C-alpha atoms as a PDB file:
ATOM      1  CA  MET A   1       0.000   0.000   0.000  1.00  0.00           C
ATOM      2  CA  ARG A   2       2.818   2.356   0.864  1.00  0.00           C
ATOM      3  CA  ASP A   3       4.555   1.707  -2.483  1.00  0.00           C
ATOM      4  CA  GLU A   4       1.318   2.344  -4.384  1.00  0.00           C
ATOM      5  CA  TYR A   5       0.786   5.601  -2.471  1.00  0.00           C
ATOM      6  CA  ASN A   6       4.331   6.756  -3.178  1.00  0.00           C
ATOM      7  CA  LEU A   7       3.943   5.919  -6.873  1.00  0.00           C
ATOM      8  CA  ASN A   8       0.667   7.855  -7.132  1.00  0.00           C
ATOM      9  CA  PHE A   9       2.150  10.792  -5.284  1.00  0.00           C
ATOM     10  CA  SER A  10       5.138  10.813  -7.611  1.00  0.00           C
ATOM     11  CA  ASN A  11       2.881  10.786 -10.676  1.00  0.00           C
ATOM     12  CA  GLU A  12       0.880  13.725  -9.279  1.00  0.00           C
ATOM     13  CA  GLN A  13       4.091  15.619  -8.679  1.00  0.00           C
ATOM     14  CA  THR A  14       5.139  14.929 -12.258  1.00  0.00           C
ATOM     15  CA  LYS A  15       1.865  16.357 -13.550  1.00  0.00           C
ATOM     16  CA  GLN A  16       2.315  19.470 -11.413  1.00  0.00           C
ATOM     17  CA  HIS A  17       5.829  20.004 -12.696  1.00  0.00           C
ATOM     18  CA  LYS A  18       4.711  19.671 -16.301  1.00  0.00           C
ATOM     19  CA  HIS A  19       1.899  22.168 -15.675  1.00  0.00           C
ATOM     20  CA  ALA A  20       4.364  24.595 -14.064  1.00  0.00           C
ATOM     21  CA  ARG A  21       6.721  24.345 -17.037  1.00  0.00           C
ATOM     22  CA  THR A  22       3.833  25.075 -19.407  1.00  0.00           C
ATOM     23  CA  LEU A  23       2.861  28.151 -17.390  1.00  0.00           C
ATOM     24  CA  ASP A  24       6.478  29.359 -17.407  1.00  0.00           C
ATOM     25  CA  SER A  25       6.614  29.017 -21.194  1.00  0.00           C
ATOM     26  CA  TRP A  26       3.505  31.169 -21.623  1.00  0.00           C
ATOM     27  CA  ARG A  27       4.812  33.644 -19.037  1.00  0.00           C
ATOM     28  CA  ILE A  28       7.704  34.398 -21.391  1.00  0.00           C
ATOM     29  CA  PHE A  29       5.267  35.896 -23.889  1.00  0.00           C
ATOM     30  CA  ARG A  30       3.685  38.084 -21.219  1.00  0.00           C
ATOM     31  CA  ILE A  31       7.134  39.344 -20.225  1.00  0.00           C
ATOM     32  CA  MET A  32       8.025  39.976 -23.863  1.00  0.00           C
ATOM     33  CA  SER A  33       4.839  41.983 -24.393  1.00  0.00           C
ATOM     34  CA  GLU A  34       5.706  44.253 -21.469  1.00  0.00           C
ATOM     35  CA  PHE A  35       9.174  44.865 -22.882  1.00  0.00           C
ATOM     36  CA  VAL A  36       7.768  45.624 -26.346  1.00  0.00           C
ATOM     37  CA  ASP A  37       5.168  48.060 -25.009  1.00  0.00           C
ATOM     38  CA  GLY A  38       7.768  49.743 -22.827  1.00  0.00           C
ATOM     39  CA  PHE A  39      10.401  50.121 -25.521  1.00  0.00           C
ATOM     40  CA  GLU A  40       7.921  51.402 -28.104  1.00  0.00           C
ATOM     41  CA  THR A  41       6.536  54.042 -25.738  1.00  0.00           C
ATOM     42  CA  MET A  42       9.759  55.178 -24.064  1.00  0.00           C
ATOM     43  CA  THR A  43      11.608  55.600 -27.357  1.00  0.00           C
ATOM     44  CA  TYR A  44       9.389  58.590 -28.155  1.00  0.00           C
ATOM     45  CA  LEU A  45       9.668  60.213 -24.735  1.00  0.00           C
ATOM     46  CA  GLY A  46      12.970  61.982 -25.409  1.00  0.00           C
ATOM     47  CA  PRO A  47      15.518  63.030 -22.770  1.00  0.00           C
ATOM     48  CA  SER A  48      13.982  62.488 -19.352  1.00  0.00           C
ATOM     49  CA  VAL A  49      14.763  62.232 -15.653  1.00  0.00           C
ATOM     50  CA  ALA A  50      13.422  59.589 -13.265  1.00  0.00           C
ATOM     51  CA  VAL A  51      12.174  60.804  -9.887  1.00  0.00           C
ATOM     52  CA  PHE A  52      11.765  58.284  -7.057  1.00  0.00           C
ATOM     53  CA  GLY A  53      10.265  58.610  -3.603  1.00  0.00           C
ATOM     54  CA  SER A  54       7.762  57.443  -1.056  1.00  0.00           C
ATOM     55  CA  THR A  55       4.168  56.579  -1.910  1.00  0.00           C
ATOM     56  CA  ASN A  56       3.230  57.775   1.574  1.00  0.00           C
ATOM     57  CA  GLN A  57       0.746  60.613   1.328  1.00  0.00           C
ATOM     58  CA  ASN A  58       1.628  61.843   4.823  1.00  0.00           C
ATOM     59  CA  PRO A  59       5.434  62.028   4.675  1.00  0.00           C
ATOM     60  CA  ILE A  60       7.774  62.760   7.556  1.00  0.00           C
ATOM     61  CA  SER A  61       8.127  66.317   6.345  1.00  0.00           C
ATOM     62  CA  PRO A  62       5.608  67.921   3.941  1.00  0.00           C
ATOM     63  CA  LYS A  63       8.419  70.101   2.617  1.00  0.00           C
ATOM     64  CA  TYR A  64       9.495  67.243   0.350  1.00  0.00           C
ATOM     65  CA  TYR A  65       6.195  67.414  -1.522  1.00  0.00           C
ATOM     66  CA  ASP A  66       6.685  71.055  -2.467  1.00  0.00           C
ATOM     67  CA  LEU A  67      10.382  70.455  -3.131  1.00  0.00           C
ATOM     68  CA  THR A  68       9.585  67.585  -5.510  1.00  0.00           C
ATOM     69  CA  VAL A  69       7.172  69.756  -7.503  1.00  0.00           C
ATOM     70  CA  GLU A  70       9.785  72.521  -7.728  1.00  0.00           C
ATOM     71  CA  ILE A  71      12.574  70.146  -8.780  1.00  0.00           C
ATOM     72  CA  SER A  72      10.409  68.633 -11.513  1.00  0.00           C
ATOM     73  CA  LYS A  73       9.502  72.049 -12.853  1.00  0.00           C
ATOM     74  CA  LYS A  74      13.153  73.098 -12.955  1.00  0.00           C
ATOM     75  CA  ILE A  75      14.094  69.902 -14.791  1.00  0.00           C
ATOM     76  CA  VAL A  76      11.286  70.308 -17.328  1.00  0.00           C
ATOM     77  CA  GLN A  77      12.355  73.897 -17.971  1.00  0.00           C
ATOM     78  CA  LYS A  78      15.721  72.493 -19.066  1.00  0.00           C
ATOM     79  CA  GLY A  79      13.978  70.424 -21.750  1.00  0.00           C
ATOM     80  CA  PHE A  80      13.559  67.076 -19.996  1.00  0.00           C
ATOM     81  CA  GLY A  81      10.516  64.937 -19.341  1.00  0.00           C
ATOM     82  CA  ILE A  82       9.751  63.377 -15.971  1.00  0.00           C
ATOM     83  CA  ILE A  83       9.444  59.629 -15.342  1.00  0.00           C
ATOM     84  CA  THR A  84       8.004  58.216 -12.119  1.00  0.00           C
ATOM     85  CA  GLY A  85       6.557  54.967 -10.876  1.00  0.00           C
ATOM     86  CA  GLY A  86       3.112  56.455 -11.429  1.00  0.00           C
ATOM     87  CA  GLY A  87       1.906  56.126  -7.839  1.00  0.00           C
ATOM     88  CA  PRO A  88       0.846  58.606  -5.150  1.00  0.00           C
ATOM     89  CA  GLY A  89       3.011  60.598  -2.742  1.00  0.00           C
ATOM     90  CA  ILE A  90       6.344  61.867  -4.067  1.00  0.00           C
ATOM     91  CA  MET A  91       5.716  60.347  -7.490  1.00  0.00           C
ATOM     92  CA  GLU A  92       2.464  62.233  -7.850  1.00  0.00           C
ATOM     93  CA  CYS A  93       4.236  65.479  -6.950  1.00  0.00           C
ATOM     94  CA  ALA A  94       6.883  64.856  -9.604  1.00  0.00           C
ATOM     95  CA  ASN A  95       4.272  64.215 -12.305  1.00  0.00           C
ATOM     96  CA  LYS A  96       2.310  67.247 -11.131  1.00  0.00           C
ATOM     97  CA  GLY A  97       5.377  69.465 -11.459  1.00  0.00           C
ATOM     98  CA  ALA A  98       5.990  68.138 -14.968  1.00  0.00           C
ATOM     99  CA  GLN A  99       2.467  68.930 -16.134  1.00  0.00           C
ATOM    100  CA  GLU A 100       2.400  72.344 -14.479  1.00  0.00           C
ATOM    101  CA  ALA A 101       5.574  73.214 -16.389  1.00  0.00           C
ATOM    102  CA  ASN A 102       4.042  71.878 -19.633  1.00  0.00           C
ATOM    103  CA  GLY A 103       6.534  69.028 -19.843  1.00  0.00           C
ATOM    104  CA  LYS A 104       6.183  65.343 -20.651  1.00  0.00           C
ATOM    105  CA  SER A 105       4.908  63.364 -17.673  1.00  0.00           C
ATOM    106  CA  CYS A 106       5.475  59.607 -17.769  1.00  0.00           C
ATOM    107  CA  GLY A 107       4.270  57.007 -15.277  1.00  0.00           C
ATOM    108  CA  LEU A 108       5.609  53.446 -15.177  1.00  0.00           C
ATOM    109  CA  CYS A 109       2.872  51.945 -13.046  1.00  0.00           C
ATOM    110  CA  ILE A 110       3.050  48.594 -11.299  1.00  0.00           C
ATOM    111  CA  ASN A 111       0.110  46.347 -10.417  1.00  0.00           C
ATOM    112  CA  LEU A 112      -0.018  46.364  -6.612  1.00  0.00           C
ATOM    113  CA  PRO A 113      -2.890  45.768  -4.174  1.00  0.00           C
ATOM    114  CA  SER A 114      -1.850  48.881  -2.219  1.00  0.00           C
ATOM    115  CA  GLU A 115      -2.030  51.199  -5.251  1.00  0.00           C
ATOM    116  CA  ALA A 116      -5.493  51.104  -6.779  1.00  0.00           C
ATOM    117  CA  LYS A 117      -4.894  53.506  -9.641  1.00  0.00           C
ATOM    118  CA  PRO A 118      -2.167  55.756 -11.129  1.00  0.00           C
ATOM    119  CA  ASN A 119      -1.902  59.360 -10.031  1.00  0.00           C
ATOM    120  CA  PRO A 120      -3.873  61.870 -12.155  1.00  0.00           C
ATOM    121  CA  TYR A 121      -0.866  63.849 -13.457  1.00  0.00           C
ATOM    122  CA  ILE A 122       0.442  61.326 -15.996  1.00  0.00           C
ATOM    123  CA  ASP A 123       0.101  61.963 -19.733  1.00  0.00           C
ATOM    124  CA  SER A 124      -2.237  59.273 -21.042  1.00  0.00           C
ATOM    125  CA  HIS A 125       0.075  58.289 -23.915  1.00  0.00           C
ATOM    126  CA  TYR A 126       3.022  57.956 -21.507  1.00  0.00           C
ATOM    127  CA  GLN A 127       1.296  55.753 -18.965  1.00  0.00           C
ATOM    128  CA  LEU A 128       2.480  52.155 -18.879  1.00  0.00           C
ATOM    129  CA  ASN A 129       1.238  49.366 -16.625  1.00  0.00           C
ATOM    130  CA  PHE A 130       3.552  46.554 -15.591  1.00  0.00           C
ATOM    131  CA  ARG A 131       3.026  43.234 -13.892  1.00  0.00           C
ATOM    132  CA  TYR A 132       6.747  42.594 -13.396  1.00  0.00           C
ATOM    133  CA  PHE A 133       9.030  44.830 -11.346  1.00  0.00           C
ATOM    134  CA  PHE A 134      12.136  43.776 -13.262  1.00  0.00           C
ATOM    135  CA  VAL A 135      10.700  44.868 -16.639  1.00  0.00           C
ATOM    136  CA  ARG A 136       9.686  48.215 -15.164  1.00  0.00           C
ATOM    137  CA  LYS A 137      13.176  48.713 -13.713  1.00  0.00           C
ATOM    138  CA  VAL A 138      14.731  48.172 -17.133  1.00  0.00           C
ATOM    139  CA  MET A 139      12.680  51.092 -18.478  1.00  0.00           C
ATOM    140  CA  PHE A 140      13.927  53.410 -15.754  1.00  0.00           C
ATOM    141  CA  ILE A 141      17.539  52.355 -16.219  1.00  0.00           C
ATOM    142  CA  ARG A 142      17.546  52.457 -20.013  1.00  0.00           C
ATOM    143  CA  TYR A 143      15.763  55.739 -20.693  1.00  0.00           C
ATOM    144  CA  ALA A 144      16.508  58.128 -17.800  1.00  0.00           C
ATOM    145  CA  GLN A 145      19.329  60.635 -18.213  1.00  0.00           C
ATOM    146  CA  ALA A 146      19.502  61.032 -14.434  1.00  0.00           C
ATOM    147  CA  PHE A 147      17.944  59.735 -11.218  1.00  0.00           C
ATOM    148  CA  VAL A 148      16.571  62.090  -8.568  1.00  0.00           C
ATOM    149  CA  VAL A 149      15.967  60.124  -5.377  1.00  0.00           C
ATOM    150  CA  MET A 150      13.712  61.707  -2.791  1.00  0.00           C
ATOM    151  CA  PRO A 151      13.060  60.225   0.687  1.00  0.00           C
ATOM    152  CA  GLY A 152      11.426  56.820   0.375  1.00  0.00           C
ATOM    153  CA  GLY A 153      11.357  53.197   1.491  1.00  0.00           C
ATOM    154  CA  PHE A 154      12.405  49.795   0.176  1.00  0.00           C
ATOM    155  CA  GLY A 155      11.301  50.480  -3.400  1.00  0.00           C
ATOM    156  CA  THR A 156      13.212  53.743  -3.535  1.00  0.00           C
ATOM    157  CA  LEU A 157      16.311  52.117  -2.070  1.00  0.00           C
ATOM    158  CA  ASP A 158      15.991  49.257  -4.554  1.00  0.00           C
ATOM    159  CA  GLU A 159      16.025  51.630  -7.534  1.00  0.00           C
ATOM    160  CA  LEU A 160      18.892  53.649  -6.046  1.00  0.00           C
ATOM    161  CA  PHE A 161      21.224  50.723  -5.393  1.00  0.00           C
ATOM    162  CA  GLU A 162      20.317  49.000  -8.653  1.00  0.00           C
ATOM    163  CA  ALA A 163      21.479  52.084 -10.552  1.00  0.00           C
ATOM    164  CA  LEU A 164      24.628  52.531  -8.459  1.00  0.00           C
ATOM    165  CA  THR A 165      25.562  48.869  -8.891  1.00  0.00           C
ATOM    166  CA  LEU A 166      25.136  48.961 -12.680  1.00  0.00           C
ATOM    167  CA  ILE A 167      27.124  52.193 -12.990  1.00  0.00           C
ATOM    168  CA  GLN A 168      29.836  50.960 -10.629  1.00  0.00           C
ATOM    169  CA  THR A 169      30.262  47.716 -12.565  1.00  0.00           C
ATOM    170  CA  GLU A 170      30.094  49.538 -15.919  1.00  0.00           C
ATOM    171  CA  LYS A 171      27.163  47.462 -17.109  1.00  0.00           C
ATOM    172  CA  ILE A 172      25.514  50.733 -18.130  1.00  0.00           C
ATOM    173  CA  LYS A 173      26.761  54.196 -18.995  1.00  0.00           C
ATOM    174  CA  PHE A 174      27.279  56.658 -16.185  1.00  0.00           C
ATOM    175  CA  PHE A 175      24.443  59.050 -15.405  1.00  0.00           C
ATOM    176  CA  PRO A 176      23.998  61.463 -12.468  1.00  0.00           C
ATOM    177  CA  VAL A 177      22.282  60.230  -9.307  1.00  0.00           C
ATOM    178  CA  TYR A 178      21.003  62.886  -6.906  1.00  0.00           C
ATOM    179  CA  LEU A 179      19.907  62.229  -3.337  1.00  0.00           C
ATOM    180  CA  VAL A 180      17.531  64.926  -2.110  1.00  0.00           C
ATOM    181  CA  GLY A 181      17.028  65.342   1.632  1.00  0.00           C
ATOM    182  CA  LYS A 182      20.359  65.741   3.414  1.00  0.00           C
ATOM    183  CA  ASP A 183      18.781  65.088   6.801  1.00  0.00           C
ATOM    184  CA  TYR A 184      17.004  61.988   5.526  1.00  0.00           C
ATOM    185  CA  TRP A 185      19.985  60.340   3.811  1.00  0.00           C
ATOM    186  CA  SER A 186      22.816  61.359   6.184  1.00  0.00           C
ATOM    187  CA  GLY A 187      22.428  58.306   8.435  1.00  0.00           C
ATOM    188  CA  LEU A 188      22.606  55.889   5.516  1.00  0.00           C
ATOM    189  CA  LEU A 189      25.660  57.609   4.052  1.00  0.00           C
ATOM    190  CA  ASP A 190      27.411  57.686   7.448  1.00  0.00           C
ATOM    191  CA  TRP A 191      26.804  53.952   7.825  1.00  0.00           C
ATOM    192  CA  MET A 192      28.144  53.297   4.339  1.00  0.00           C
ATOM    193  CA  ARG A 193      31.345  55.165   5.174  1.00  0.00           C
ATOM    194  CA  LYS A 194      31.838  53.769   8.674  1.00  0.00           C
ATOM    195  CA  THR A 195      30.844  50.187   7.926  1.00  0.00           C
ATOM    196  CA  VAL A 196      30.707  49.318   4.228  1.00  0.00           C
ATOM    197  CA  LEU A 197      33.727  51.388   3.186  1.00  0.00           C
ATOM    198  CA  ALA A 198      35.630  50.533   6.369  1.00  0.00           C
ATOM    199  CA  ASN A 199      35.273  46.845   5.508  1.00  0.00           C
ATOM    200  CA  SER A 200      36.542  47.472   1.970  1.00  0.00           C
ATOM    201  CA  ASN A 201      33.256  46.419   0.372  1.00  0.00           C
ATOM    202  CA  ILE A 202      33.132  49.651  -1.630  1.00  0.00           C
ATOM    203  CA  LYS A 203      35.774  52.190  -2.593  1.00  0.00           C
ATOM    204  CA  GLN A 204      36.030  55.854  -1.685  1.00  0.00           C
ATOM    205  CA  GLU A 205      35.530  56.831  -5.323  1.00  0.00           C
ATOM    206  CA  ASP A 206      32.167  55.056  -5.338  1.00  0.00           C
ATOM    207  CA  PHE A 207      30.806  57.992  -3.352  1.00  0.00           C
ATOM    208  CA  ASP A 208      31.524  60.156  -6.404  1.00  0.00           C
ATOM    209  CA  LEU A 209      28.529  58.440  -8.047  1.00  0.00           C
ATOM    210  CA  ILE A 210      26.192  60.158  -5.564  1.00  0.00           C
ATOM    211  CA  HIS A 211      25.349  63.858  -5.379  1.00  0.00           C
ATOM    212  CA  VAL A 212      23.596  64.972  -2.186  1.00  0.00           C
ATOM    213  CA  THR A 213      21.760  68.286  -2.407  1.00  0.00           C
ATOM    214  CA  ASP A 214      18.486  70.017  -1.574  1.00  0.00           C
ATOM    215  CA  ASP A 215      18.986  72.702  -4.234  1.00  0.00           C
ATOM    216  CA  PRO A 216      16.617  72.363  -7.244  1.00  0.00           C
ATOM    217  CA  ASP A 217      18.799  74.605  -9.422  1.00  0.00           C
ATOM    218  CA  GLU A 218      21.915  72.552  -8.686  1.00  0.00           C
ATOM    219  CA  ILE A 219      20.052  69.416  -9.752  1.00  0.00           C
ATOM    220  CA  ALA A 220      18.555  70.852 -12.949  1.00  0.00           C
ATOM    221  CA  ASN A 221      21.787  72.582 -13.997  1.00  0.00           C
ATOM    222  CA  GLY A 222      23.874  69.497 -13.270  1.00  0.00           C
ATOM    223  CA  ILE A 223      21.615  67.233 -15.320  1.00  0.00           C
ATOM    224  CA  GLU A 224      21.591  69.685 -18.218  1.00  0.00           C
ATOM    225  CA  LYS A 225      25.398  69.964 -18.133  1.00  0.00           C
ATOM    226  CA  TYR A 226      25.810  66.193 -18.182  1.00  0.00           C
ATOM    227  CA  TYR A 227      23.344  65.705 -21.039  1.00  0.00           C
ATOM    228  CA  ARG A 228      24.991  68.366 -23.193  1.00  0.00           C
ATOM    229  CA  LYS A 229      28.221  66.362 -22.942  1.00  0.00           C
ATOM    230  CA  SER A 230      26.794  62.867 -23.347  1.00  0.00           C
ATOM    231  CA  LYS A 231      23.862  63.396 -25.778  1.00  0.00           C
ATOM    232  CA  SER A 232      22.890  59.815 -24.961  1.00  0.00           C
ATOM    233  CA  LEU A 233      19.232  58.762 -24.847  1.00  0.00           C
ATOM    234  CA  GLU A 234      19.921  55.143 -23.817  1.00  0.00           C
ATOM    235  CA  ASN A 235      22.203  53.930 -21.056  1.00  0.00           C
ATOM    236  CA  PHE A 236      22.876  50.459 -22.463  1.00  0.00           C
END
């Protein structure tokens, strides 16, 4: 009886594995479709800057909302579009600033239970909806001429360190990365120097990849200066 049970169980497992492989094969086409939609849309966006930050609509300091709107406006006035994750909070402020300055406002939205719908400041023809985080991240990395990273949580940190890792390892071209919120980021940067750098897991020159400032003009002028030199619309 035991042998018969084990044999039946093994056959059931085999069926499940075959079903899983079939689902994985079809999943490839879904992933491909997201890449195709993303590439076709982002190609027409032109030079743009990605702005990241918390989805929290009651942030630690409301000043970052107004600062995000101002930064986006300054960037748009230099001829760039704005790309965000399409959600509420900081992202909504960035898209709002883009539209108020009559610039292109792009939202790379992700299907999440916690985010029912995109924010209302995204241009309809530059709104994309993704199922997969990794496809969405490719769009940010490939088409942004700079990253502006406002205070945020795990998602914001994920995008920040993904970009720094790819630049550090020369898997993509260099582009400017700005951290906005000196008070917010100082603890993380101190830890990186005292612990990560002290243990030789990064180099001192790796800190040159990060610009920390709360000055919207410094950010907009720095991005414009870099783009005039690089003239690159894709980072890999």
